[in-house]
């Protein structure tokens, strides 16, 4: 069964850090781009980062660039989102998602319509 499972969310103070994990079950990450999205209460879902299946292509939205880092450990079938200098506006449910791209993983984007497998989400709360 194909499944993505996120973990690592929690509550932190502004300026703190968290690392989110997205474990892929039943997927070969060599053929999937993985995107990270977030949705705050009352707001639309926002794409924040992605990593290509080849593992070299990455993307960050302007709102997180310079603070978030996406990486992948193929041996663990896991993609990470390391978040530094967190701000209250980063508070949201964070989701990872998979886009089946076959061998074309040298580019990724956070257009959510491209992603057809989603995790259940993990809550991140940034508050003093």
Foldseek 3Di string as FASTA:
>chain_A
DWAWAKDWADEEAAQAKIKMKIATDPDQLLFKKKWKWWDDPPDDIGTAKIAFSVFPEMDGDPVQPPFWDWGDDNVRNMIMIIGGRDDQVVWTWMKMFIAGHGNPRNYDDPPVVRTDHIHPTDTHGYHD
